Amino acid sequence: MNLQQLKESIDENKIPDDLSVYLKALWYDAKGNWDEAHQIIQDVPDKNASWIHAYLHRKEGDINNADYWYNQAGRKRPNISLNEEWEEIVKAML
C-alpha cells in the first residue's frame, strides 16, 4: 500500500483489511471520526502511537495534551498544517 492507495480507500469508504493499527487510526481520522481514531491509538504504548495521539490532540485543539504526547513521541509540535502532518505520519507508517 502507498499513500495514494490509502487516500483512494478513504474516498471509497472501504477500510483495507491489512492496515496497521497506526494507519487504521489515521484512516478513521481522515474520515472525520476523531473518536474512533483516538480509541484505536490511545492505549498503544510506543512512539509511533504517541505521535499519532499528539496529532489527534493537536487537531482537537488541546495543545497542552498534544505537547505531552509529542514529548512522549520524542518530537516537537510541528509548524505545518494538520493535513501536512497527517501525510507525514502516513508516509512514516507505510
Protein backbone atom coordinates (compact mmCIF):
# COMPACT_ATOMS: atom_id res chain seq x y z
CA MET A 1 0.00 0.00 0.00
CA ASN A 2 1.11 3.54 -0.70
CA LEU A 3 -0.25 6.99 0.15
CA GLN A 4 -2.38 7.21 -2.99
CA GLN A 5 -3.97 3.81 -2.36
CA LEU A 6 -4.76 4.76 1.23
CA LYS A 7 -6.37 8.01 0.06
CA GLU A 8 -8.42 6.08 -2.52
CA SER A 9 -9.67 3.71 0.18
CA ILE A 10 -10.75 6.75 2.21
CA ASP A 11 -12.61 8.21 -0.78
CA GLU A 12 -14.23 4.82 -1.45
CA ASN A 13 -15.19 4.46 2.22
CA LYS A 14 -13.64 0.97 2.35
CA ILE A 15 -11.01 0.39 5.02
CA PRO A 16 -8.39 -2.13 3.88
CA ASP A 17 -8.22 -5.30 5.97
CA ASP A 18 -4.44 -5.28 6.31
CA LEU A 19 -3.89 -1.82 7.81
CA SER A 20 -1.66 -1.48 10.84
CA VAL A 21 -3.15 -0.03 14.00
CA TYR A 22 -1.40 3.25 13.12
CA LEU A 23 -2.85 3.52 9.63
CA LYS A 24 -6.25 2.39 10.86
CA ALA A 25 -6.34 5.32 13.32
CA LEU A 26 -5.24 7.73 10.60
CA TRP A 27 -7.83 6.29 8.19
CA TYR A 28 -10.65 6.94 10.67
CA ASP A 29 -9.29 10.41 11.36
CA ALA A 30 -9.36 11.19 7.64
CA LYS A 31 -12.98 10.02 7.55
CA GLY A 32 -13.81 12.58 10.24
CA ASN A 33 -14.16 10.01 13.01
CA TRP A 34 -11.79 11.51 15.60
CA ASP A 35 -13.29 9.43 18.42
CA GLU A 36 -12.65 6.11 16.67
CA ALA A 37 -9.12 7.18 15.71
CA HIS A 38 -8.40 8.16 19.30
CA GLN A 39 -9.92 4.96 20.68
CA ILE A 40 -7.73 2.84 18.40
CA ILE A 41 -4.45 4.59 19.21
CA GLN A 42 -4.72 5.82 22.80
CA ASP A 43 -3.51 2.64 24.52
CA VAL A 44 -0.76 1.62 22.09
CA PRO A 45 2.46 2.08 24.10
CA ASP A 46 5.07 3.20 21.56
CA LYS A 47 6.49 6.35 19.99
CA ASN A 48 4.58 5.97 16.71
CA ALA A 49 1.27 5.78 18.57
CA SER A 50 2.31 8.74 20.72
CA TRP A 51 2.97 10.78 17.57
CA ILE A 52 -0.49 9.97 16.20
CA HIS A 53 -2.02 10.62 19.61
CA ALA A 54 -0.27 14.02 19.67
CA TYR A 55 -1.52 14.86 16.18
CA LEU A 56 -5.08 13.94 17.17
CA HIS A 57 -4.98 16.20 20.23
CA ARG A 58 -3.46 18.99 18.15
CA LYS A 59 -6.34 18.59 15.72
CA GLU A 60 -8.78 18.64 18.63
CA GLY A 61 -7.24 21.93 19.78
CA ASP A 62 -5.96 20.53 23.09
CA ILE A 63 -2.42 21.87 22.67
CA ASN A 64 -1.19 21.08 26.19
CA ASN A 65 -2.22 17.45 25.80
CA ALA A 66 -0.79 17.39 22.27
CA ASP A 67 2.56 18.70 23.54
CA TYR A 68 2.63 15.99 26.21
CA TRP A 69 2.18 13.31 23.53
CA TYR A 70 4.71 14.92 21.17
CA ASN A 71 7.16 14.74 24.05
CA GLN A 72 6.31 11.05 24.58
CA ALA A 73 6.99 10.52 20.86
CA GLY A 74 10.34 12.30 21.12
CA ARG A 75 9.11 15.09 18.83
CA LYS A 76 8.26 18.78 18.88
CA ARG A 77 4.88 20.08 17.76
CA PRO A 78 5.35 20.90 14.07
CA ASN A 79 4.65 24.24 12.48
CA ILE A 80 2.84 22.76 9.48
CA SER A 81 -0.82 22.27 8.65
CA LEU A 82 -2.74 19.33 10.06
CA ASN A 83 -3.10 17.93 6.53
CA GLU A 84 0.65 18.10 6.01
CA GLU A 85 1.29 16.40 9.32
CA TRP A 86 -1.28 13.69 8.53
CA GLU A 87 0.54 12.92 5.26
CA GLU A 88 3.92 12.98 7.00
CA ILE A 89 2.72 10.48 9.60
CA VAL A 90 1.10 8.24 6.98
CA LYS A 91 4.29 8.17 4.90
CA ALA A 92 6.30 7.25 8.00
CA MET A 93 3.85 4.44 8.89
CA LEU A 94 3.70 2.91 5.40
